[in-house]
Amino acid sequence: MSTQPHIFIFGLGYVGQHLARRLSATGWQITATTRQPEQLARHVPDSWCLLPFSTESVPVQLAAHLTTATHLLSCIAPQAGHDPVLAHYADDLVAFTGWTGYLSATSVYPDQPEGWVDEDTAAAPVSARGKNRLAAEQRWQETCQAEIFRLAGIYGPGRNALEDLPAGKARIIDKPGHVFNRIHQTDISRVIEAAMATPRRGRIINLADHKPASQAEVIGYAARLLDMQPPQAIPFAEAEMSEMARSFYAAQRRIKSRIIGPELGLELLYPDYESGLKAIFEAEQDSALS
């Protein structure tokens, strides 16, 4: 392996791009897969190596790229109940000796309306999506002892209630007592970087801020920042939603981490949705004035 830090990222989407840009700015070499490498190449540094990969395309030849990679991260969710990366590359990953991480989700945890869920809580998913995530986690750990990052709902610039409200996409689904957990994209990257700096094979890390909240609270706060009226709440029983969207309401849990602070020595930059949304709002205001 090369002495220069070199990360191979499966799935250069919202999270993967943000992490890659941070690492690239500090001298890391970036190799990543994407469904549309030619299109994405126009928006990322020329030094990045972009490779095509999807369930419909011919897979990339991974072994040659792993000879120089020091780290590997998969951001690709299970598809049709199977992990597409492991389906094609399990043998290559078994032989990889660098750091490996896998982005999972907090849907692997059970329904727990009272109290808090942390990394010691036994996984017991209630949804098919959560069960697929847990199966993928277990395979990644069996294959290469990957560190597992269980992410709450992701938001950040370009993906938040401040964008959805003016576009008419924000909806408040009223299910009394139900709360969601969230994490800002910047804190996701910071936690992954801290984990890579102090690795522990097979470690599980929850990524969620310190303030679980209802959809109404978050959208209401965004509306106040924008000086807009929030949309009328729709009772959960009357809401038209896809099965995937409805599955997010199937269980309730309040997520916390006993790893991020005590073990990684990291404090979240955005410990609640107010600080995260306010920072996005102020950055957009500054950009509009410049």
Protein backbone atom coordinates (compact mmCIF):
# COMPACT_ATOMS: atom_id res chain seq x y z
CA MET A 1 0.00 0.00 0.00
CA SER A 2 1.05 3.58 -0.62
CA THR A 3 2.27 5.78 2.23
CA GLN A 4 0.15 8.62 0.83
CA PRO A 5 -3.36 8.38 2.28
CA HIS A 6 -5.63 7.08 -0.45
CA ILE A 7 -9.31 6.33 0.05
CA PHE A 8 -11.46 4.19 -2.22
CA ILE A 9 -15.14 5.18 -1.88
CA PHE A 10 -17.96 3.04 -3.17
CA GLY A 11 -20.85 5.36 -4.00
CA LEU A 12 -19.81 8.99 -4.42
CA GLY A 13 -23.15 10.47 -3.44
CA TYR A 14 -24.07 13.22 -0.99
CA VAL A 15 -22.06 11.88 1.95
CA GLY A 16 -19.22 10.43 -0.09
CA GLN A 17 -18.59 13.63 -2.01
CA HIS A 18 -18.47 15.75 1.13
CA LEU A 19 -15.97 13.43 2.80
CA ALA A 20 -13.88 13.18 -0.37
CA ARG A 21 -13.65 16.96 -0.73
CA ARG A 22 -12.47 17.34 2.89
CA LEU A 23 -9.86 14.62 2.50
CA SER A 24 -8.73 15.84 -0.91
CA ALA A 25 -8.12 19.30 0.52
CA THR A 26 -5.61 17.81 2.99
CA GLY A 27 -3.68 15.79 0.42
CA TRP A 28 -5.57 12.52 0.22
CA GLN A 29 -5.81 10.65 -3.07
CA ILE A 30 -9.41 9.93 -4.05
CA THR A 31 -10.71 6.95 -6.03
CA ALA A 32 -14.46 6.48 -6.12
CA THR A 33 -17.25 4.75 -7.96
CA THR A 34 -20.30 6.49 -9.36
CA ARG A 35 -23.16 5.61 -11.70
CA GLN A 36 -22.26 8.55 -13.97
CA PRO A 37 -18.50 9.23 -13.88
CA GLU A 38 -18.47 11.47 -16.97
CA GLN A 39 -21.18 13.74 -15.57
CA LEU A 40 -19.71 13.93 -12.06
CA ALA A 41 -16.19 14.58 -13.40
CA ARG A 42 -17.29 18.12 -14.36
CA HIS A 43 -17.91 18.96 -10.71
CA VAL A 44 -14.95 17.42 -8.88
CA PRO A 45 -11.16 17.95 -9.02
CA ASP A 46 -9.35 16.47 -12.01
CA SER A 47 -7.07 14.55 -9.67
CA TRP A 48 -9.89 12.26 -8.53
CA CYS A 49 -10.18 8.88 -10.18
CA LEU A 50 -13.83 8.13 -10.97
CA LEU A 51 -14.94 4.63 -11.90
CA PRO A 52 -18.31 3.38 -13.19
CA PHE A 53 -20.25 1.00 -10.98
CA SER A 54 -23.89 0.06 -10.80
CA THR A 55 -25.89 -3.12 -10.63
CA GLU A 56 -26.58 -2.76 -14.36
CA SER A 57 -23.03 -2.06 -15.55
CA VAL A 58 -19.90 -4.17 -15.82
CA PRO A 59 -18.18 -3.94 -12.42
CA VAL A 60 -14.85 -2.15 -12.08
CA GLN A 61 -11.74 -4.26 -11.54
CA LEU A 62 -11.10 -3.49 -7.91
CA ALA A 63 -7.93 -5.42 -7.07
CA ALA A 64 -5.58 -3.12 -9.02
CA HIS A 65 -6.95 -0.01 -7.29
CA LEU A 66 -6.75 -1.55 -3.83
CA THR A 67 -3.01 -2.08 -4.16
CA THR A 68 -2.48 1.64 -3.54
CA ALA A 69 -5.51 2.36 -1.31
CA THR A 70 -4.99 2.75 2.42
CA HIS A 71 -8.70 3.15 3.28
CA LEU A 72 -12.00 1.95 1.84
CA LEU A 73 -15.52 3.17 2.55
CA SER A 74 -18.80 1.85 1.18
CA CYS A 75 -21.72 4.29 1.02
CA ILE A 76 -23.96 2.00 -1.06
CA ALA A 77 -27.18 0.71 0.52
CA PRO A 78 -28.46 -2.84 0.04
CA GLN A 79 -30.44 -3.38 -3.13
CA ALA A 80 -33.15 -6.05 -3.37
CA GLY A 81 -31.95 -7.41 -0.05
CA HIS A 82 -28.30 -7.80 -1.09
CA ASP A 83 -25.17 -5.67 -0.80
CA PRO A 84 -24.00 -5.01 -4.39
CA VAL A 85 -20.40 -4.30 -3.39
CA LEU A 86 -19.96 -7.57 -1.51
CA ALA A 87 -21.78 -9.43 -4.27
CA HIS A 88 -19.00 -8.49 -6.72
CA TYR A 89 -15.94 -7.89 -4.56
CA ALA A 90 -16.02 -10.06 -1.42
CA ASP A 91 -12.83 -11.89 -2.41
CA ASP A 92 -10.96 -8.64 -3.06
CA LEU A 93 -12.14 -7.18 0.23
CA VAL A 94 -11.02 -10.22 2.21
CA ALA A 95 -7.49 -9.60 0.93
CA PHE A 96 -7.55 -5.84 1.65
CA THR A 97 -5.46 -4.98 4.73
CA GLY A 98 -6.27 -1.27 5.05
CA TRP A 99 -9.01 0.44 7.06
CA THR A 100 -12.56 -0.37 5.97
CA GLY A 101 -15.81 1.39 6.82
CA TYR A 102 -19.46 0.84 5.97
CA LEU A 103 -22.24 3.42 6.16
CA SER A 104 -25.35 1.86 7.67
CA ALA A 105 -28.46 3.33 9.31
CA THR A 106 -30.11 3.58 12.71
CA SER A 107 -33.03 1.55 11.30
CA VAL A 108 -31.18 -1.55 12.56
CA TYR A 109 -32.31 -0.71 16.10
CA PRO A 110 -35.62 -1.84 17.63
CA ASP A 111 -38.64 0.29 18.35
CA GLN A 112 -37.84 1.96 21.68
CA PRO A 113 -40.17 4.89 22.41
CA GLU A 114 -38.78 5.39 25.93
CA GLY A 115 -35.19 6.08 26.89
CA TRP A 116 -32.19 6.24 24.58
CA VAL A 117 -30.53 3.86 22.14
CA ASP A 118 -26.72 3.67 22.02
CA GLU A 119 -24.12 1.32 20.57
CA ASP A 120 -24.73 -1.20 23.37
CA THR A 121 -28.38 -1.60 22.36
CA ALA A 122 -28.90 -4.90 20.55
CA ALA A 123 -29.93 -4.52 16.91
CA ALA A 124 -33.47 -5.77 16.25
CA PRO A 125 -34.88 -4.01 13.17
CA VAL A 126 -38.64 -3.84 12.64
CA SER A 127 -38.60 -2.92 8.93
CA ALA A 128 -37.39 -4.83 5.89
CA ARG A 129 -35.05 -1.92 5.18
CA GLY A 130 -33.53 -2.23 8.65
CA LYS A 131 -33.19 -6.01 8.34
CA ASN A 132 -31.34 -5.63 5.04
CA ARG A 133 -29.04 -3.05 6.60
CA LEU A 134 -28.23 -5.34 9.53
CA ALA A 135 -27.51 -8.28 7.21
CA ALA A 136 -25.14 -6.06 5.18
CA GLU A 137 -23.40 -4.86 8.35
CA GLN A 138 -22.79 -8.41 9.47
CA ARG A 139 -21.35 -9.38 6.09
CA TRP A 140 -19.02 -6.36 6.04
CA GLN A 141 -17.74 -7.25 9.49
CA GLU A 142 -17.32 -10.92 8.60
CA THR A 143 -15.56 -10.07 5.34
CA CYS A 144 -13.11 -7.39 6.50
CA GLN A 145 -13.94 -6.36 10.10
CA ALA A 146 -15.29 -3.05 8.84
CA GLU A 147 -16.13 -0.20 11.17
CA ILE A 148 -19.89 0.42 11.01
CA PHE A 149 -21.37 3.93 10.99
CA ARG A 150 -25.09 3.92 11.82
CA LEU A 151 -26.44 7.19 10.43
CA ALA A 152 -29.60 9.00 11.43
CA GLY A 153 -31.46 11.21 8.93
CA ILE A 154 -28.88 13.14 6.89
CA TYR A 155 -29.17 16.86 6.20
CA GLY A 156 -26.88 19.68 5.14
CA PRO A 157 -26.44 22.29 2.38
CA GLY A 158 -28.71 21.42 -0.54
CA ARG A 159 -30.61 18.83 1.47
CA ASN A 160 -32.69 20.37 4.21
CA ALA A 161 -36.02 21.95 5.16
CA LEU A 162 -34.79 25.40 4.06
CA GLU A 163 -34.62 24.04 0.51
CA ASP A 164 -37.88 22.09 0.71
CA LEU A 165 -40.10 24.88 2.00
CA PRO A 166 -39.74 27.38 -0.89
CA ALA A 167 -39.92 24.50 -3.36
CA GLY A 168 -43.22 23.34 -1.89
CA LYS A 169 -41.76 19.94 -1.00
CA ALA A 170 -41.97 20.22 2.79
CA ARG A 171 -44.73 18.16 4.43
CA ILE A 172 -45.61 17.80 8.08
CA ILE A 173 -46.96 14.32 8.81
CA ASP A 174 -48.63 14.40 12.20
CA LYS A 175 -48.03 11.25 14.22
CA PRO A 176 -48.37 12.38 17.87
CA GLY A 177 -45.30 11.73 19.99
CA HIS A 178 -43.15 10.57 17.09
CA VAL A 179 -39.62 11.98 16.73
CA PHE A 180 -36.80 11.57 14.22
CA ASN A 181 -33.03 11.66 14.68
CA ARG A 182 -30.77 13.72 12.41
CA ILE A 183 -27.10 14.33 11.67
CA HIS A 184 -25.42 17.13 9.68
CA GLN A 185 -23.23 16.04 6.77
CA THR A 186 -20.23 17.94 8.16
CA ASP A 187 -20.40 15.99 11.41
CA ILE A 188 -20.64 12.73 9.45
CA SER A 189 -17.35 13.52 7.71
CA ARG A 190 -15.72 14.65 10.97
CA VAL A 191 -16.68 11.44 12.76
CA ILE A 192 -15.44 9.24 9.91
CA GLU A 193 -12.15 11.15 9.83
CA ALA A 194 -11.75 10.75 13.59
CA ALA A 195 -12.48 7.03 13.34
CA MET A 196 -9.88 6.60 10.59
CA ALA A 197 -7.33 8.46 12.73
CA THR A 198 -7.99 6.16 15.72
CA PRO A 199 -9.15 2.90 14.10
CA ARG A 200 -10.71 -0.07 15.90
CA ARG A 201 -11.80 -2.94 13.69
CA GLY A 202 -15.44 -3.94 13.95
CA ARG A 203 -16.39 -0.84 15.93
CA ILE A 204 -19.97 0.45 15.69
CA ILE A 205 -20.58 4.22 15.87
CA ASN A 206 -23.96 5.94 16.02
CA LEU A 207 -24.18 9.26 14.20
CA ALA A 208 -27.04 11.42 15.45
CA ASP A 209 -27.23 14.84 17.02
CA HIS A 210 -28.36 15.41 20.59
CA LYS A 211 -31.89 16.60 19.89
CA PRO A 212 -34.37 14.14 18.37
CA ALA A 213 -37.38 16.12 17.19
CA SER A 214 -40.62 15.86 15.29
CA GLN A 215 -40.90 16.81 11.66
CA ALA A 216 -43.18 19.70 12.69
CA GLU A 217 -40.53 21.17 15.00
CA VAL A 218 -37.82 21.12 12.33
CA ILE A 219 -39.98 22.49 9.53
CA GLY A 220 -41.47 25.08 11.89
CA TYR A 221 -37.99 26.33 12.81
CA ALA A 222 -36.96 26.49 9.14
CA ALA A 223 -40.14 28.42 8.34
CA ARG A 224 -39.33 30.99 11.02
CA LEU A 225 -35.84 31.48 9.60
CA LEU A 226 -37.34 32.04 6.15
CA ASP A 227 -40.25 34.13 7.48
CA MET A 228 -42.69 31.72 5.89
CA GLN A 229 -45.78 29.88 7.07
CA PRO A 230 -45.21 26.15 7.57
CA PRO A 231 -47.51 23.79 5.69
CA GLN A 232 -50.63 22.43 7.33
CA ALA A 233 -50.05 19.19 9.20
CA ILE A 234 -51.49 16.02 7.64
CA PRO A 235 -52.66 13.27 10.02
CA PHE A 236 -50.49 10.18 9.60
CA ALA A 237 -53.50 7.95 8.89
CA GLU A 238 -54.55 10.20 5.99
CA ALA A 239 -51.13 10.87 4.47
CA GLU A 240 -50.28 9.48 1.04
CA MET A 241 -46.78 8.05 1.23
CA SER A 242 -44.65 5.41 -0.40
CA GLU A 243 -44.00 2.24 1.54
CA MET A 244 -40.43 3.38 2.14
CA ALA A 245 -41.56 6.76 3.48
CA ARG A 246 -44.15 5.08 5.70
CA SER A 247 -41.48 2.74 7.08
CA PHE A 248 -39.71 5.71 8.68
CA TYR A 249 -42.71 6.03 10.99
CA ALA A 250 -42.87 2.33 11.88
CA ALA A 251 -40.54 2.69 14.85
CA GLN A 252 -39.39 5.44 17.18
CA ARG A 253 -36.07 5.73 18.92
CA ARG A 254 -33.80 8.38 20.41
CA ILE A 255 -30.24 7.79 19.27
CA LYS A 256 -27.07 8.74 21.12
CA SER A 257 -23.41 7.68 20.95
CA ARG A 258 -21.08 6.54 23.71
CA ILE A 259 -18.20 6.47 21.18
CA ILE A 260 -18.02 9.90 19.52
CA GLY A 261 -17.19 11.88 22.66
CA PRO A 262 -15.57 9.41 25.06
CA GLU A 263 -13.57 7.36 22.53
CA LEU A 264 -13.02 9.65 19.53
CA GLY A 265 -12.72 12.82 21.64
CA LEU A 266 -15.01 14.70 19.28
CA GLU A 267 -17.80 17.19 19.91
CA LEU A 268 -20.45 17.61 17.23
CA LEU A 269 -20.22 20.90 15.39
CA TYR A 270 -24.03 20.88 15.04
CA PRO A 271 -25.46 19.19 18.16
CA ASP A 272 -29.07 20.04 17.25
CA TYR A 273 -31.16 20.92 14.21
CA GLU A 274 -31.38 24.60 15.19
CA SER A 275 -27.62 25.14 15.03
CA GLY A 276 -27.34 23.16 11.80
CA LEU A 277 -30.19 24.92 9.99
CA LYS A 278 -29.12 28.34 11.25
CA ALA A 279 -25.58 27.81 9.91
CA ILE A 280 -26.96 26.79 6.50
CA PHE A 281 -29.32 29.77 6.47
CA GLU A 282 -26.57 32.26 7.38
CA ALA A 283 -24.19 30.82 4.80
CA GLU A 284 -26.85 31.19 2.11
CA GLN A 285 -27.55 34.77 3.21
CA ASP A 286 -23.84 35.62 3.05
CA SER A 287 -23.57 34.03 -0.38
CA ALA A 288 -26.53 36.05 -1.65
CA LEU A 289 -24.91 39.28 -0.47
CA SER A 290 -21.46 38.58 -1.92
